[in-house]
Amino acid sequence: MARYTVILDACVLVPVSVADTLLRIAERELYRPTWSQRILDETYDAIADIHPEIPSDRIVGRLDAMNFAFEDALVTDWESLELQIDLPDVDDCHVVAAAIRGRADAIVTANTRDFPTEVLEQFHIDVVSPDVFLMNQFDLAPGLVLEVIHEQAAHARNPTLTPIDLVARLARAGVPNFADEVRRHLIS
């Protein structure tokens, strides 16, 4: 059976708390994550710019671990499609090209305005913010997502985090509605 497949844009892979939540949910097979090498390169560049104190080998290790954990996630041979995409920002065309080649159902990005619906609908691809995407995952499997949050908090080091601490980080990292919904379930 085909699983719901998404392209994870670089902007959702940069904040470690959001990326970790997204990938832990994917490990539970609620959806299939995909990305291209160019998306990973953009992720690397953004992390290096935002956190110059993080050694480059640690960033590379994180991206390599993603490819190892999701061996079918790396989309290749998308380059020939890039010139056929017409977006307001040509620097985003590669994301749509990779989504097409990877047979993604959606692009998960914080930059939803950069991906007009009228362009994507011709390829039968939706665009969704990480907040909406995570809310959808929570609606599909609330117990599983809460398990993921507990697991993610339990594995946090330097600093250690409680699930409530993690939820606060997620809210600051761009998924406030998801964080609020999870917080409500954690304290009820």
Protein backbone atom coordinates (compact mmCIF):
# COMPACT_ATOMS: atom_id res chain seq x y z
CA MET A 1 0.00 0.00 0.00
CA ALA A 2 1.33 3.44 -0.91
CA ARG A 3 1.93 5.74 2.03
CA TYR A 4 1.27 9.45 2.05
CA THR A 5 4.53 10.97 0.85
CA VAL A 6 5.85 14.45 1.51
CA ILE A 7 8.88 16.48 0.54
CA LEU A 8 10.34 18.11 3.62
CA ASP A 9 11.69 21.52 2.62
CA ALA A 10 14.97 22.73 4.15
CA CYS A 11 13.19 25.28 6.33
CA VAL A 12 11.46 22.48 8.29
CA LEU A 13 14.64 20.43 8.60
CA VAL A 14 16.71 23.24 10.13
CA PRO A 15 15.03 23.62 13.55
CA VAL A 16 16.17 20.46 15.28
CA SER A 17 13.08 20.11 17.49
CA VAL A 18 10.68 20.28 14.52
CA ALA A 19 12.85 18.06 12.31
CA ASP A 20 13.19 15.49 15.09
CA THR A 21 9.43 15.42 15.67
CA LEU A 22 8.70 15.10 11.95
CA LEU A 23 11.22 12.29 11.51
CA ARG A 24 10.20 10.38 14.62
CA ILE A 25 6.59 10.42 13.39
CA ALA A 26 7.82 9.20 9.99
CA GLU A 27 9.68 6.36 11.72
CA ARG A 28 6.28 5.23 12.99
CA GLU A 29 5.20 5.07 9.33
CA LEU A 30 2.41 7.63 9.47
CA TYR A 31 3.90 9.13 6.32
CA ARG A 32 6.93 8.78 4.06
CA PRO A 33 9.45 11.65 4.14
CA THR A 34 11.49 12.63 1.09
CA TRP A 35 14.10 15.25 0.21
CA SER A 36 16.73 15.90 -2.42
CA GLN A 37 20.45 16.42 -2.04
CA ARG A 38 19.89 20.10 -2.84
CA ILE A 39 17.41 20.36 0.03
CA LEU A 40 19.97 18.72 2.32
CA ASP A 41 22.65 21.13 1.07
CA GLU A 42 20.35 24.07 1.84
CA THR A 43 19.68 22.58 5.27
CA TYR A 44 23.40 22.29 5.91
CA ASP A 45 24.03 25.89 4.81
CA ALA A 46 21.21 27.26 6.97
CA ILE A 47 22.30 25.36 10.08
CA ALA A 48 25.91 26.46 9.56
CA ASP A 49 24.80 30.10 9.16
CA ILE A 50 22.45 30.09 12.15
CA HIS A 51 24.72 28.02 14.41
CA PRO A 52 28.35 28.67 13.45
CA GLU A 53 29.38 27.03 16.73
CA ILE A 54 28.18 23.62 15.50
CA PRO A 55 31.05 21.71 13.87
CA SER A 56 30.43 20.90 10.21
CA ASP A 57 30.96 17.17 10.80
CA ARG A 58 28.07 17.21 13.30
CA ILE A 59 25.77 18.78 10.72
CA VAL A 60 26.90 16.29 8.07
CA GLY A 61 26.37 13.48 10.59
CA ARG A 62 22.80 14.61 11.20
CA LEU A 63 22.03 14.66 7.48
CA ASP A 64 23.76 11.32 6.89
CA ALA A 65 21.73 9.81 9.74
CA MET A 66 18.54 10.99 8.06
CA ASN A 67 19.52 9.30 4.79
CA PHE A 68 20.51 6.14 6.66
CA ALA A 69 17.27 6.00 8.67
CA PHE A 70 15.11 6.65 5.60
CA GLU A 71 16.94 4.83 2.85
CA ASP A 72 14.28 5.59 0.22
CA ALA A 73 13.92 9.29 1.11
CA LEU A 74 16.59 10.76 -1.16
CA VAL A 75 14.96 11.79 -4.44
CA THR A 76 17.29 11.85 -7.45
CA ASP A 77 17.01 12.71 -11.14
CA TRP A 78 14.71 15.69 -10.55
CA GLU A 79 16.95 18.24 -12.27
CA SER A 80 15.41 17.93 -15.74
CA LEU A 81 12.01 18.86 -14.31
CA GLU A 82 13.19 22.04 -12.61
CA LEU A 83 13.03 24.21 -15.74
CA GLN A 84 9.40 23.20 -16.32
CA ILE A 85 8.29 24.73 -13.01
CA ASP A 86 7.18 28.35 -12.84
CA LEU A 87 7.22 29.77 -9.33
CA PRO A 88 7.52 33.33 -8.01
CA ASP A 89 10.99 32.44 -6.66
CA VAL A 90 12.95 30.32 -9.14
CA ASP A 91 15.13 29.14 -6.26
CA ASP A 92 12.16 27.05 -5.06
CA CYS A 93 11.56 25.22 -8.35
CA HIS A 94 13.89 22.40 -7.31
CA VAL A 95 11.59 21.56 -4.39
CA VAL A 96 8.61 21.08 -6.69
CA ALA A 97 10.74 19.13 -9.17
CA ALA A 98 11.87 16.78 -6.39
CA ALA A 99 8.26 16.47 -5.18
CA ILE A 100 7.16 15.46 -8.68
CA ARG A 101 9.99 12.95 -9.13
CA GLY A 102 9.46 11.57 -5.61
CA ARG A 103 5.71 11.27 -6.19
CA ALA A 104 5.00 13.39 -3.15
CA ASP A 105 1.46 14.18 -2.15
CA ALA A 106 2.55 17.39 -0.44
CA ILE A 107 5.40 19.78 0.25
CA VAL A 108 5.86 20.58 3.92
CA THR A 109 7.33 24.08 4.15
CA ALA A 110 7.17 27.15 6.33
CA ASN A 111 7.21 29.19 3.12
CA THR A 112 3.77 28.19 1.80
CA ARG A 113 3.36 31.50 -0.08
CA ASP A 114 6.31 30.57 -2.28
CA PHE A 115 4.36 27.61 -3.64
CA PRO A 116 1.11 28.90 -5.23
CA THR A 117 -1.75 26.43 -5.24
CA GLU A 118 -2.52 27.11 -8.91
CA VAL A 119 0.99 25.95 -9.85
CA LEU A 120 1.02 22.88 -7.61
CA GLU A 121 -2.47 21.63 -8.42
CA GLN A 122 -1.40 20.81 -11.98
CA PHE A 123 1.02 18.31 -10.42
CA HIS A 124 -1.52 17.12 -7.81
CA ILE A 125 0.72 18.31 -4.98
CA ASP A 126 -0.48 20.16 -1.91
CA VAL A 127 1.55 22.63 0.11
CA VAL A 128 1.21 22.61 3.87
CA SER A 129 2.93 24.34 6.77
CA PRO A 130 4.72 22.18 9.33
CA ASP A 131 2.18 23.33 11.94
CA VAL A 132 -0.79 22.14 9.87
CA PHE A 133 1.03 18.96 8.85
CA LEU A 134 1.83 18.04 12.45
CA MET A 135 -1.74 18.86 13.50
CA ASN A 136 -2.96 16.46 10.80
CA GLN A 137 -0.59 13.77 12.07
CA PHE A 138 -1.90 14.34 15.60
CA ASP A 139 -5.50 14.07 14.37
CA LEU A 140 -4.67 10.78 12.62
CA ALA A 141 -2.89 9.16 15.56
CA PRO A 142 -2.95 11.21 18.77
CA GLY A 143 -1.66 8.40 20.98
CA LEU A 144 1.25 7.66 18.69
CA VAL A 145 2.20 11.35 18.40
CA LEU A 146 2.09 11.74 22.19
CA GLU A 147 4.37 8.69 22.48
CA VAL A 148 6.75 10.37 20.04
CA ILE A 149 6.79 13.56 22.13
CA HIS A 150 7.54 11.59 25.32
CA GLU A 151 10.25 9.60 23.54
CA GLN A 152 11.80 12.72 22.00
CA ALA A 153 11.89 14.49 25.38
CA ALA A 154 13.36 11.41 27.06
CA HIS A 155 16.21 11.30 24.53
CA ALA A 156 17.02 15.01 24.82
CA ARG A 157 20.46 15.75 26.22
CA ASN A 158 22.22 18.98 26.89
CA PRO A 159 19.79 20.17 28.09
CA THR A 160 17.45 17.47 29.29
CA LEU A 161 13.82 18.23 28.51
CA THR A 162 10.44 17.30 29.87
CA PRO A 163 7.63 16.86 27.34
CA ILE A 164 6.32 20.31 28.36
CA ASP A 165 9.79 21.82 27.76
CA LEU A 166 9.88 20.18 24.33
CA VAL A 167 6.45 21.52 23.46
CA ALA A 168 7.61 25.04 24.36
CA ARG A 169 10.58 24.62 22.00
CA LEU A 170 8.30 23.38 19.25
CA ALA A 171 6.06 26.42 19.67
CA ARG A 172 9.07 28.76 19.36
CA ALA A 173 10.31 26.79 16.34
CA GLY A 174 7.21 27.50 14.26
CA VAL A 175 4.55 24.95 15.15
CA PRO A 176 2.53 26.81 17.82
CA ASN A 177 -0.89 25.26 17.14
CA PHE A 178 0.53 21.75 17.24
CA ALA A 179 2.42 22.61 20.43
CA ASP A 180 -0.74 23.99 22.06
CA GLU A 181 -2.75 20.89 21.15
CA VAL A 182 -0.05 18.53 22.48
CA ARG A 183 0.31 20.63 25.66
CA ARG A 184 -3.45 20.37 26.29
CA HIS A 185 -3.24 16.58 26.08
CA LEU A 186 -0.13 16.39 28.23
CA ILE A 187 -1.65 18.36 31.09
CA SER A 188 -5.16 16.86 30.96
